[in-house]
Every structure is written in structure tokens, then in C-alpha cells.
N, C-alpha and C. Protein backbone atom coordinates (compact mmCIF):
# COMPACT_ATOMS: atom_id res chain seq x y z
N MET A 1 96.04 146.25 99.49
CA MET A 1 96.85 147.22 98.92
C MET A 1 97.08 148.25 100.06
N ASN A 2 98.38 148.48 100.11
CA ASN A 2 98.75 149.71 101.13
C ASN A 2 98.57 150.99 100.57
N THR A 3 97.73 151.79 101.02
CA THR A 3 97.40 153.14 100.34
C THR A 3 97.91 154.41 101.19
N LYS A 4 98.48 153.91 102.39
CA LYS A 4 98.87 154.87 103.23
C LYS A 4 99.87 155.92 102.88
N ASN A 5 100.79 155.68 101.86
CA ASN A 5 101.75 156.55 101.52
C ASN A 5 101.36 157.32 100.16
N ILE A 6 100.22 157.17 99.62
CA ILE A 6 99.88 157.79 98.51
C ILE A 6 99.95 159.35 98.53
N PRO A 7 99.22 159.91 99.61
CA PRO A 7 99.22 161.30 99.71
C PRO A 7 100.55 161.92 99.77
N ALA A 8 101.38 161.35 100.60
CA ALA A 8 102.81 161.94 100.68
C ALA A 8 103.53 161.68 99.25
N LEU A 9 103.37 160.58 98.58
CA LEU A 9 103.98 160.48 97.35
C LEU A 9 103.71 161.39 96.31
N VAL A 10 102.35 161.64 96.25
CA VAL A 10 101.78 162.73 95.28
C VAL A 10 102.27 164.03 95.61
N MET A 11 102.18 164.44 96.88
CA MET A 11 102.58 165.81 97.31
C MET A 11 104.14 165.89 97.01
N LEU A 12 105.03 164.99 97.27
CA LEU A 12 106.47 165.05 97.04
C LEU A 12 106.91 165.20 95.50
N LEU A 13 106.05 164.49 94.78
CA LEU A 13 106.28 164.44 93.34
C LEU A 13 105.87 165.68 92.70
N ALA A 14 104.92 166.32 93.13
CA ALA A 14 104.29 167.70 92.67
C ALA A 14 105.32 168.64 93.10
N GLY A 15 105.81 168.58 94.31
CA GLY A 15 106.68 169.54 94.97
C GLY A 15 108.00 169.54 94.08
N ALA A 16 108.44 168.34 93.86
CA ALA A 16 109.80 168.21 93.04
C ALA A 16 109.70 168.79 91.60
N ILE A 17 108.57 168.43 90.96
CA ILE A 17 108.28 169.08 89.58
C ILE A 17 108.05 170.60 89.67
N ALA A 18 107.37 171.05 90.72
CA ALA A 18 107.34 172.52 90.82
C ALA A 18 108.51 173.29 90.99
N SER A 19 109.25 172.68 92.00
CA SER A 19 110.59 173.21 92.37
C SER A 19 111.53 173.28 91.02
N LEU A 20 111.51 172.29 90.28
CA LEU A 20 112.41 172.19 88.96
C LEU A 20 111.92 173.39 88.05
N ILE A 21 110.70 173.51 87.95
CA ILE A 21 110.17 174.61 87.00
C ILE A 21 110.46 175.98 87.59
N MET A 22 110.32 176.15 88.97
CA MET A 22 110.53 177.29 89.47
C MET A 22 111.99 177.72 89.43
N LEU A 23 112.85 176.85 89.61
CA LEU A 23 114.23 177.01 89.50
C LEU A 23 114.68 177.59 88.11
N THR A 24 114.15 176.83 87.10
CA THR A 24 114.59 177.21 85.87
C THR A 24 113.85 178.62 85.39
N LYS A 25 112.84 179.02 86.05
CA LYS A 25 112.25 180.45 85.76
C LYS A 25 112.91 181.46 86.54
N GLY A 26 113.77 181.10 87.55
CA GLY A 26 114.59 182.22 88.38
C GLY A 26 113.77 182.93 89.28
N LEU A 27 112.80 182.39 89.98
CA LEU A 27 111.87 183.17 90.80
C LEU A 27 112.74 183.55 92.10
N SER A 28 112.23 184.51 92.84
CA SER A 28 113.05 184.91 94.16
C SER A 28 112.70 183.96 95.06
N ASN A 29 113.35 183.82 96.29
CA ASN A 29 113.07 182.94 97.40
C ASN A 29 111.73 183.01 97.89
N ILE A 30 111.35 184.22 98.22
CA ILE A 30 109.94 184.29 98.71
C ILE A 30 108.91 183.86 97.87
N GLN A 31 108.85 184.15 96.64
CA GLN A 31 108.00 183.65 95.78
C GLN A 31 108.05 182.07 95.52
N PHE A 32 109.30 181.52 95.43
CA PHE A 32 109.56 180.10 95.44
C PHE A 32 108.89 179.44 96.49
N LEU A 33 109.16 179.90 97.85
CA LEU A 33 108.65 179.27 98.87
C LEU A 33 107.11 179.15 99.02
N CYS A 34 106.60 180.46 98.77
CA CYS A 34 105.13 180.54 98.88
C CYS A 34 104.49 179.63 97.85
N THR A 35 104.89 179.60 96.60
CA THR A 35 104.36 178.86 95.61
C THR A 35 104.53 177.40 95.85
N LEU A 36 105.73 176.95 96.45
CA LEU A 36 105.90 175.72 96.74
C LEU A 36 105.01 175.17 97.94
N LEU A 37 104.69 176.01 98.89
CA LEU A 37 103.87 175.71 100.04
C LEU A 37 102.55 175.48 99.47
N ILE A 38 102.01 176.33 98.61
CA ILE A 38 100.58 176.18 98.19
C ILE A 38 100.60 174.82 97.20
N VAL A 39 101.57 174.53 96.41
CA VAL A 39 101.59 173.33 95.66
C VAL A 39 101.52 172.14 96.53
N LEU A 40 102.51 172.16 97.58
CA LEU A 40 102.46 170.88 98.43
C LEU A 40 101.03 170.63 99.17
N ILE A 41 100.40 171.87 99.72
CA ILE A 41 99.17 171.65 100.34
C ILE A 41 98.15 171.19 99.38
N VAL A 42 98.03 171.76 98.30
CA VAL A 42 97.00 171.35 97.13
C VAL A 42 97.12 169.86 96.81
N PHE A 43 98.50 169.54 96.59
CA PHE A 43 98.56 168.15 96.20
C PHE A 43 98.38 167.08 97.23
N TYR A 44 98.72 167.53 98.37
CA TYR A 44 98.42 166.73 99.53
C TYR A 44 97.09 166.30 99.78
N VAL A 45 96.21 167.33 99.72
CA VAL A 45 94.71 167.16 99.64
C VAL A 45 94.13 166.20 98.50
N LEU A 46 94.86 166.55 97.47
CA LEU A 46 94.52 165.71 96.32
C LEU A 46 94.84 164.23 96.31
N GLY A 47 96.04 164.02 96.82
CA GLY A 47 96.50 162.70 97.19
C GLY A 47 95.54 161.92 98.24
N THR A 48 95.06 162.69 99.20
CA THR A 48 94.14 162.21 100.25
C THR A 48 92.99 161.73 99.69
N VAL A 49 92.31 162.56 98.66
CA VAL A 49 91.11 162.27 97.99
C VAL A 49 91.32 160.99 97.13
N ILE A 50 92.48 160.71 96.51
CA ILE A 50 92.94 159.56 95.74
C ILE A 50 92.79 158.37 96.62
N LYS A 51 93.36 158.49 97.81
CA LYS A 51 93.56 157.55 98.73
C LYS A 51 92.22 156.93 99.23
N VAL A 52 91.41 157.93 99.58
CA VAL A 52 90.05 157.58 99.97
C VAL A 52 89.10 156.83 99.08
N ILE A 53 89.38 157.31 97.71
CA ILE A 53 88.60 156.58 96.59
C ILE A 53 89.15 155.23 96.44
N LEU A 54 90.58 155.10 96.53
CA LEU A 54 91.02 153.66 96.25
C LEU A 54 90.56 152.81 97.52
N ASP A 55 90.55 153.32 98.82
CA ASP A 55 90.15 152.37 99.84
C ASP A 55 88.67 152.03 99.73
N ARG A 56 87.92 152.84 99.26
CA ARG A 56 86.36 152.45 99.00
C ARG A 56 86.33 151.58 97.98
N ASN A 57 87.01 151.76 96.91
CA ASN A 57 86.93 150.69 95.82
C ASN A 57 87.63 149.21 96.12
N ILE A 58 88.71 149.37 96.96
CA ILE A 58 89.35 148.04 97.45
C ILE A 58 88.36 147.32 98.43
N GLY A 59 87.74 148.11 99.34
CA GLY A 59 86.73 147.38 100.32
C GLY A 59 85.65 146.80 99.56
N GLU A 60 85.05 147.53 98.31
CA GLU A 60 83.99 147.03 97.69
C GLU A 60 84.26 145.65 96.98
N MET A 61 85.51 145.63 96.39
CA MET A 61 85.95 144.52 95.68
C MET A 61 86.27 143.39 96.74
N LYS A 62 86.60 143.62 97.89
CA LYS A 62 86.81 142.48 98.82
C LYS A 62 85.33 141.97 99.21
N LYS A 63 84.37 142.90 99.44
CA LYS A 63 83.01 142.38 99.67
C LYS A 63 82.48 141.58 98.57
N ASP A 64 82.71 142.09 97.34
CA ASP A 64 82.19 141.31 96.13
C ASP A 64 82.83 139.94 96.15
N GLU A 65 84.11 139.81 96.35
CA GLU A 65 84.82 138.63 96.40
C GLU A 65 84.28 137.62 97.42
N GLU A 66 84.05 138.15 98.64
CA GLU A 66 83.56 137.23 99.60
C GLU A 66 82.20 136.81 99.41
N THR A 67 81.27 137.63 98.66
CA THR A 67 79.93 137.28 98.25
C THR A 67 79.98 136.20 97.27
N VAL A 68 81.04 136.34 96.37
CA VAL A 68 81.05 135.38 95.17
C VAL A 68 81.68 134.08 95.91
N GLU A 69 82.56 134.02 96.84
CA GLU A 69 82.93 132.90 97.52
C GLU A 69 81.73 132.16 98.25
N GLY A 70 81.07 133.06 98.92
CA GLY A 70 79.86 132.51 99.75
C GLY A 70 78.79 131.84 98.79
N GLU A 71 78.56 132.41 97.63
CA GLU A 71 77.77 131.89 96.58
C GLU A 71 78.15 130.48 96.17
N ASP A 72 79.48 130.36 95.81
CA ASP A 72 80.03 129.27 95.33
C ASP A 72 79.93 128.15 96.50
N ASP A 73 80.10 128.46 97.85
CA ASP A 73 79.95 127.43 98.80
C ASP A 73 78.46 127.10 98.83
N LEU A 74 77.63 127.96 98.63
CA LEU A 74 76.10 127.64 98.73
C LEU A 74 75.73 126.68 97.37
N ASP A 75 76.34 127.07 96.27
CA ASP A 75 76.12 126.13 95.04
C ASP A 75 76.56 124.85 95.33
N GLU A 76 77.94 124.70 95.99
CA GLU A 76 78.46 123.30 96.24
C GLU A 76 77.55 122.50 97.11
N ASN A 77 77.02 123.32 98.05
CA ASN A 77 76.27 122.51 99.24
C ASN A 77 74.89 122.13 98.51
N LYS A 78 74.25 122.90 97.59
CA LYS A 78 73.13 122.54 96.73
C LYS A 78 73.32 121.37 96.02
N GLU A 79 74.58 121.31 95.37
CA GLU A 79 74.74 120.22 94.46
C GLU A 79 74.90 118.92 95.40
N ASN A 80 75.35 119.02 96.37
CA ASN A 80 75.71 117.94 97.38
C ASN A 80 74.22 117.41 97.73
N ILE A 81 73.40 118.37 98.10
CA ILE A 81 72.11 117.88 98.68
C ILE A 81 71.18 117.41 97.55
N ASP A 82 71.39 117.89 96.28
CA ASP A 82 70.75 117.32 95.10
C ASP A 82 71.13 116.08 94.73
N THR A 83 72.41 115.60 94.88
CA THR A 83 72.82 114.30 94.41
C THR A 83 72.43 113.33 95.53
N THR A 84 72.34 113.77 96.77
CA THR A 84 71.89 112.77 97.73
C THR A 84 70.28 112.56 97.83
N ALA A 85 69.72 113.69 97.17
CA ALA A 85 68.30 113.62 97.21
C ALA A 85 67.91 112.93 95.91
N ALA A 86 68.64 112.88 95.04
CA ALA A 86 68.43 112.22 93.86
C ALA A 86 68.18 110.71 93.72
N GLY A 87 68.98 109.96 94.75
CA GLY A 87 68.77 108.67 95.01
C GLY A 87 67.35 108.61 95.55
N ASP A 88 66.67 107.25 95.15
CA ASP A 88 65.30 106.96 95.59
C ASP A 88 65.15 106.48 96.97
N GLY A 89 66.33 106.55 97.71
CA GLY A 89 66.19 106.13 99.18
C GLY A 89 66.20 104.53 99.23
N GLU A 90 66.29 103.95 98.41
CA GLU A 90 66.36 102.39 98.42
C GLU A 90 67.70 101.87 98.40
N ALA A 91 68.03 100.99 99.15
CA ALA A 91 69.52 100.43 99.22
C ALA A 91 69.65 99.49 97.94
N ASN A 92 70.76 99.53 97.51
CA ASN A 92 70.91 98.58 96.39
C ASN A 92 71.59 97.47 96.86
N PRO A 93 70.86 96.16 96.87
CA PRO A 93 71.49 95.13 97.58
C PRO A 93 72.87 94.53 96.90
N GLU A 94 73.08 94.66 95.58
CA GLU A 94 74.23 94.50 95.12
C GLU A 94 75.30 95.22 95.70
N SER A 95 75.32 96.51 96.02
CA SER A 95 76.37 97.35 96.46
C SER A 95 76.56 97.05 97.99
N ALA A 96 75.39 96.68 98.72
CA ALA A 96 75.47 96.26 100.11
C ALA A 96 76.35 95.00 100.17
N GLU A 97 76.03 94.09 99.28
CA GLU A 97 76.75 92.74 99.41
C GLU A 97 78.30 92.96 99.08
N GLU A 98 78.66 94.02 98.17
CA GLU A 98 80.04 94.19 97.88
C GLU A 98 80.60 94.82 99.12
N GLU A 99 79.95 95.52 99.92
CA GLU A 99 80.62 96.07 100.96
C GLU A 99 80.61 95.14 102.29
N GLY A 100 80.06 94.02 102.16
CA GLY A 100 80.20 93.07 103.26
C GLY A 100 78.85 92.88 103.90
N PHE A 101 77.79 93.37 103.63
CA PHE A 101 76.52 93.31 104.20
C PHE A 101 75.63 92.42 103.42
N SER A 102 75.06 91.56 103.87
CA SER A 102 74.00 90.69 103.19
C SER A 102 72.61 90.70 104.09
N PRO A 103 71.62 90.49 103.29
CA PRO A 103 70.27 90.39 104.09
C PRO A 103 70.32 89.23 105.13
N GLU A 104 70.90 88.27 104.99
CA GLU A 104 70.93 87.10 105.94
C GLU A 104 71.42 87.58 107.15
N GLU A 105 72.55 88.48 107.27
CA GLU A 105 73.19 88.81 108.43
C GLU A 105 72.35 89.95 109.25
N SER A 106 71.43 90.59 108.62
CA SER A 106 70.61 91.76 109.27
C SER A 106 69.73 91.13 110.18
N GLY A 107 69.10 90.00 110.18
CA GLY A 107 68.27 89.53 110.91
C GLY A 107 66.74 90.00 110.72
N ASP A 108 66.67 90.46 109.44
CA ASP A 108 65.30 90.68 108.98
C ASP A 108 64.70 89.78 108.28
N GLU A 109 65.20 88.43 108.37
CA GLU A 109 64.65 87.48 107.54
C GLU A 109 63.15 87.15 107.54
N GLY A 110 62.75 87.00 108.81
CA GLY A 110 61.31 86.54 109.01
C GLY A 110 60.16 87.71 109.15
N GLU A 111 60.71 88.76 109.04
CA GLU A 111 59.78 89.87 109.43
C GLU A 111 59.03 90.36 108.27
């Protein structure tokens, strides 16, 4: 998520709302500009704090997703190891003959 523009958006939105309120109240130009400057500075800082919080949370979510994906890969590898280890290590002569191997061709007849 792109959080680069959040401080500017928060500041401009607050400035627009403050400007509308001050225009309806009929403040003088000096009061209007001083108040607007203070509002813009305060809400820029608030927007920056919001951006930092979002960046931290997004970073933690990405780390959690990577950890979960890594654990899934480990679980799959363990399952593969378990299935290969579950065999008793003896070759099944029927399946070997189906694949084209027979004990006569291996040369192990007399040993």
C-alpha cells in the first residue's frame, strides 16, 4: 500500500474544512491565515503519525505472511519426507515388473 500521500491528504482536507468554517464565520484575513497555518501544521503532523503507524502495521503483516508461507513450505516438505519414510524400504516386485524390471534381468540370480 502506498502511504506516501497520506500526510498531504489529511492536511489538505483539514485545511479545506477549516477554510469553509472560517469563511462562514467572517474572520479577518490575518486571523484566517494564522488559523489556517496552525491547522495545516497540526494536521500534517497528525497525517505523518498515521502514515508511520500504517507503515509499521503493513510491514508486520508482510512478515507474518512470509512466516506463514515458510511454515507451509516446511509442512509440505515434512509430509513428503513422511510419505517416503513410511515405505518399508523393500521394493515391490510386482510394481518393478510392471515398470519393465524383472529379477532375472538384474543379474542377482545366483548370489
